[in-house]
C-alpha atoms as a PDB file:
ATOM      1  CA  ASP A   1       6.308   2.198  -9.554  1.00  0.00           C
ATOM      2  CA  TYR A   2       3.104   1.088 -11.261  1.00  0.00           C
ATOM      3  CA  ILE A   3       1.031   3.811  -9.594  1.00  0.00           C
ATOM      4  CA  ASP A   4       3.335   6.511 -10.991  1.00  0.00           C
ATOM      5  CA  PHE A   5       3.117   4.893 -14.421  1.00  0.00           C
ATOM      6  CA  VAL A   6      -0.695   4.931 -14.425  1.00  0.00           C
ATOM      7  CA  GLN A   7      -0.764   8.478 -13.025  1.00  0.00           C
ATOM      8  CA  SER A   8       1.470   9.642 -15.873  1.00  0.00           C
ATOM      9  CA  TRP A   9      -1.089   8.604 -18.484  1.00  0.00           C
ATOM     10  CA  ARG A  10      -2.656  11.588 -20.158  1.00  0.00           C
ATOM     11  CA  ALA A  11      -6.302  11.066 -21.010  1.00  0.00           C
ATOM     12  CA  SER A  12      -7.668  12.722 -24.117  1.00  0.00           C
ATOM     13  CA  THR A  13     -11.335  12.297 -23.160  1.00  0.00           C
ATOM     14  CA  SER A  14     -13.282  12.376 -19.929  1.00  0.00           C
ATOM     15  CA  LEU A  15     -14.103   8.676 -20.395  1.00  0.00           C
ATOM     16  CA  GLU A  16     -10.393   7.806 -20.503  1.00  0.00           C
ATOM     17  CA  ASP A  17      -9.797   9.989 -17.448  1.00  0.00           C
ATOM     18  CA  ASN A  18     -12.557   8.173 -15.535  1.00  0.00           C
ATOM     19  CA  GLN A  19     -11.089   4.814 -16.569  1.00  0.00           C
ATOM     20  CA  ARG A  20      -7.650   5.929 -15.393  1.00  0.00           C
ATOM     21  CA  ARG A  21      -9.069   7.077 -12.037  1.00  0.00           C
ATOM     22  CA  ASP A  22     -10.953   3.777 -11.606  1.00  0.00           C
ATOM     23  CA  LEU A  23      -7.781   1.825 -12.388  1.00  0.00           C
ATOM     24  CA  LEU A  24      -5.794   3.922  -9.893  1.00  0.00           C
ATOM     25  CA  ARG A  25      -8.470   3.351  -7.263  1.00  0.00           C
ATOM     26  CA  LYS A  26      -8.276  -0.427  -7.786  1.00  0.00           C
ATOM     27  CA  ILE A  27      -4.475  -0.368  -7.632  1.00  0.00           C
ATOM     28  CA  TYR A  28      -4.455   1.667  -4.420  1.00  0.00           C
ATOM     29  CA  GLN A  29      -7.133  -0.526  -2.844  1.00  0.00           C
ATOM     30  CA  ARG A  30      -5.163  -3.666  -3.583  1.00  0.00           C
ATOM     31  CA  ALA A  31      -1.918  -2.107  -2.375  1.00  0.00           C
ATOM     32  CA  VAL A  32      -3.267  -0.850   0.973  1.00  0.00           C
ATOM     33  CA  GLN A  33      -4.514  -4.361   1.756  1.00  0.00           C
ATOM     34  CA  SER A  34      -1.053  -5.870   1.287  1.00  0.00           C
ATOM     35  CA  PRO A  35       1.451  -6.034   4.148  1.00  0.00           C
ATOM     36  CA  LEU A  36       4.146  -3.885   2.531  1.00  0.00           C
ATOM     37  CA  GLN A  37       7.018  -1.908   3.985  1.00  0.00           C
ATOM     38  CA  ASN A  38       5.798   1.482   2.746  1.00  0.00           C
ATOM     39  CA  LEU A  39       2.147   0.827   3.571  1.00  0.00           C
ATOM     40  CA  ASP A  40       1.665   3.995   5.639  1.00  0.00           C
ATOM     41  CA  GLN A  41       2.899   6.131   2.744  1.00  0.00           C
ATOM     42  CA  LEU A  42       0.606   4.285   0.321  1.00  0.00           C
ATOM     43  CA  TRP A  43      -2.360   4.902   2.635  1.00  0.00           C
ATOM     44  CA  LYS A  44      -1.603   8.644   2.753  1.00  0.00           C
ATOM     45  CA  GLU A  45      -1.383   8.720  -1.036  1.00  0.00           C
ATOM     46  CA  TYR A  46      -4.667   6.804  -1.315  1.00  0.00           C
ATOM     47  CA  GLU A  47      -6.377   9.236   1.070  1.00  0.00           C
ATOM     48  CA  ALA A  48      -5.112  12.186  -0.959  1.00  0.00           C
ATOM     49  CA  PHE A  49      -6.213  10.517  -4.192  1.00  0.00           C
ATOM     50  CA  GLN A  50      -9.719   9.861  -2.853  1.00  0.00           C
ATOM     51  CA  ASN A  51     -10.062  13.336  -1.349  1.00  0.00           C
ATOM     52  CA  GLN A  52      -9.271  14.889  -4.753  1.00  0.00           C
ATOM     53  CA  SER A  53     -12.359  13.271  -6.246  1.00  0.00           C
ATOM     54  CA  MET A  54     -15.439  15.239  -7.142  1.00  0.00           C
ATOM     55  CA  ASN A  55     -17.734  13.213  -4.881  1.00  0.00           C
ATOM     56  CA  LYS A  56     -16.619  13.738  -1.265  1.00  0.00           C
ATOM     57  CA  ASP A  57     -19.280  11.385   0.132  1.00  0.00           C
ATOM     58  CA  LEU A  58     -18.071   8.556  -2.089  1.00  0.00           C
ATOM     59  CA  ALA A  59     -14.487   9.264  -1.030  1.00  0.00           C
ATOM     60  CA  LYS A  60     -15.400   9.136   2.662  1.00  0.00           C
ATOM     61  CA  GLY A  61     -17.317   5.890   2.152  1.00  0.00           C
ATOM     62  CA  LEU A  62     -14.484   4.197   0.265  1.00  0.00           C
ATOM     63  CA  LEU A  63     -11.913   5.323   2.819  1.00  0.00           C
ATOM     64  CA  ALA A  64     -14.089   4.064   5.668  1.00  0.00           C
ATOM     65  CA  GLU A  65     -14.491   0.727   3.865  1.00  0.00           C
ATOM     66  CA  MET A  66     -10.758   0.332   3.233  1.00  0.00           C
ATOM     67  CA  GLN A  67      -9.449   1.542   6.600  1.00  0.00           C
ATOM     68  CA  PRO A  68     -10.022  -1.747   8.512  1.00  0.00           C
ATOM     69  CA  LYS A  69      -8.288  -3.652   5.692  1.00  0.00           C
ATOM     70  CA  TYR A  70      -5.383  -1.198   5.852  1.00  0.00           C
ATOM     71  CA  PHE A  71      -5.096  -1.648   9.634  1.00  0.00           C
ATOM     72  CA  GLU A  72      -5.141  -5.430   9.198  1.00  0.00           C
ATOM     73  CA  ALA A  73      -2.389  -5.282   6.562  1.00  0.00           C
ATOM     74  CA  ARG A  74      -0.318  -2.955   8.752  1.00  0.00           C
ATOM     75  CA  SER A  75      -0.713  -5.315  11.679  1.00  0.00           C
ATOM     76  CA  GLU A  76       0.318  -8.309   9.539  1.00  0.00           C
ATOM     77  CA  PHE A  77       3.399  -6.427   8.274  1.00  0.00           C
ATOM     78  CA  ARG A  78       4.461  -5.654  11.829  1.00  0.00           C
ATOM     79  CA  ALA A  79       3.888  -9.266  12.871  1.00  0.00           C
ATOM     80  CA  ARG A  80       5.990 -10.534   9.957  1.00  0.00           C
ATOM     81  CA  LYS A  81       8.705  -8.035  10.788  1.00  0.00           C
ATOM     82  CA  SER A  82       8.799  -9.093  14.436  1.00  0.00           C
ATOM     83  CA  ARG A  83       8.953 -12.779  13.426  1.00  0.00           C
ATOM     84  CA  LYS A  84      12.148 -12.070  11.503  1.00  0.00           C
ATOM     85  CA  GLU A  85      13.845 -10.181  14.338  1.00  0.00           C
ATOM     86  CA  GLY A  86      17.055 -11.876  15.361  1.00  0.00           C
ATOM     87  CA  LEU A  87      17.275 -14.092  12.280  1.00  0.00           C
ATOM     88  CA  VAL A  88      20.532 -13.976  10.369  1.00  0.00           C
ATOM     89  CA  LEU A  89      19.320 -13.700   6.777  1.00  0.00           C
ATOM     90  CA  ASN A  90      22.605 -13.300   4.906  1.00  0.00           C
ATOM     91  CA  THR A  91      24.213 -16.709   5.536  1.00  0.00           C
ATOM     92  CA  LEU A  92      23.666 -20.141   4.088  1.00  0.00           C
ATOM     93  CA  ALA A  93      21.773 -22.636   6.187  1.00  0.00           C
ATOM     94  CA  THR A  94      23.951 -25.280   7.823  1.00  0.00           C
ATOM     95  CA  PRO A  95      23.155 -27.751  10.567  1.00  0.00           C
ATOM     96  CA  PRO A  96      24.184 -26.470  13.998  1.00  0.00           C
ATOM     97  CA  ARG A  97      27.481 -27.942  15.198  1.00  0.00           C
ATOM     98  CA  GLY A  98      26.948 -27.484  18.921  1.00  0.00           C
ATOM     99  CA  ASP A  99      27.696 -23.775  19.133  1.00  0.00           C
ATOM    100  CA  GLU A 100      25.148 -21.962  21.311  1.00  0.00           C
ATOM    101  CA  LYS A 101      24.649 -19.156  18.759  1.00  0.00           C
ATOM    102  CA  GLU A 102      24.017 -21.682  16.003  1.00  0.00           C
ATOM    103  CA  GLU A 103      21.534 -23.566  18.202  1.00  0.00           C
ATOM    104  CA  ASP A 104      19.726 -20.305  18.993  1.00  0.00           C
ATOM    105  CA  GLN A 105      19.616 -19.409  15.314  1.00  0.00           C
ATOM    106  CA  ALA A 106      18.250 -22.843  14.367  1.00  0.00           C
ATOM    107  CA  SER A 107      15.607 -22.528  17.081  1.00  0.00           C
ATOM    108  CA  MET A 108      14.573 -19.068  15.839  1.00  0.00           C
ATOM    109  CA  TRP A 109      14.328 -20.392  12.253  1.00  0.00           C
ATOM    110  CA  ARG A 110      12.133 -23.311  13.359  1.00  0.00           C
ATOM    111  CA  LYS A 111       9.877 -20.904  15.252  1.00  0.00           C
ATOM    112  CA  TYR A 112       9.732 -18.536  12.250  1.00  0.00           C
ATOM    113  CA  LEU A 113       8.820 -21.335   9.838  1.00  0.00           C
ATOM    114  CA  ALA A 114       6.150 -22.678  12.193  1.00  0.00           C
ATOM    115  CA  GLN A 115       4.591 -19.218  12.437  1.00  0.00           C
ATOM    116  CA  GLU A 116       4.594 -18.835   8.655  1.00  0.00           C
ATOM    117  CA  ARG A 117       2.883 -22.223   8.273  1.00  0.00           C
ATOM    118  CA  ALA A 118       0.257 -21.179  10.874  1.00  0.00           C
ATOM    119  CA  ASN A 119      -1.338 -18.867   8.265  1.00  0.00           C
ATOM    120  CA  THR A 120      -2.065 -15.938  10.581  1.00  0.00           C
ATOM    121  CA  GLY A 121      -2.841 -13.785   7.522  1.00  0.00           C
ATOM    122  CA  ASP A 122      -5.748 -16.029   6.400  1.00  0.00           C
ATOM    123  CA  LEU A 123      -4.135 -16.684   3.023  1.00  0.00           C
ATOM    124  CA  SER A 124      -5.610 -19.003   0.434  1.00  0.00           C
ATOM    125  CA  ALA A 125      -4.016 -22.456   0.148  1.00  0.00           C
ATOM    126  CA  ASP A 126      -2.001 -21.452  -2.938  1.00  0.00           C
ATOM    127  CA  ASP A 127      -0.856 -18.174  -1.387  1.00  0.00           C
ATOM    128  CA  LEU A 128       0.072 -19.950   1.843  1.00  0.00           C
ATOM    129  CA  HIS A 129       2.103 -22.515  -0.079  1.00  0.00           C
ATOM    130  CA  SER A 130       3.948 -19.706  -1.889  1.00  0.00           C
ATOM    131  CA  ARG A 131       4.506 -17.821   1.364  1.00  0.00           C
ATOM    132  CA  VAL A 132       5.946 -20.876   3.162  1.00  0.00           C
ATOM    133  CA  ALA A 133       8.119 -21.764   0.149  1.00  0.00           C
ATOM    134  CA  TYR A 134       9.426 -18.191   0.157  1.00  0.00           C
ATOM    135  CA  ALA A 135      10.201 -18.465   3.888  1.00  0.00           C
ATOM    136  CA  TYR A 136      12.396 -21.483   3.165  1.00  0.00           C
ATOM    137  CA  GLU A 137      14.353 -19.647   0.434  1.00  0.00           C
END
């Protein structure tokens, strides 16, 4: 885990310690905006990290600024998770041969791919292309 790696750094000066804290803050802020499986745990860690800082007002301001982005990422993760419900992910794709289960599975895959292409997460064009390509893999 990259956060653990950066936290393990031992600073020899206060400048290095401030740089390490700034880097950790940036890492946490990027992570809590990403729709990840362990997002709630990351948010709790980020809150604890910010509340350990010397400036409590700055910590409250940064947490208040990041909270809507965290909620948005959490919502997107849940939406992605619900889109995958019912999909059989551990088999190779084959054209349906008339079996009702296969037809249902093909229909669910078409719906899933259409939702991924709809860009509900407001991704950039490059990120959307990568996301849709990943959905096909």
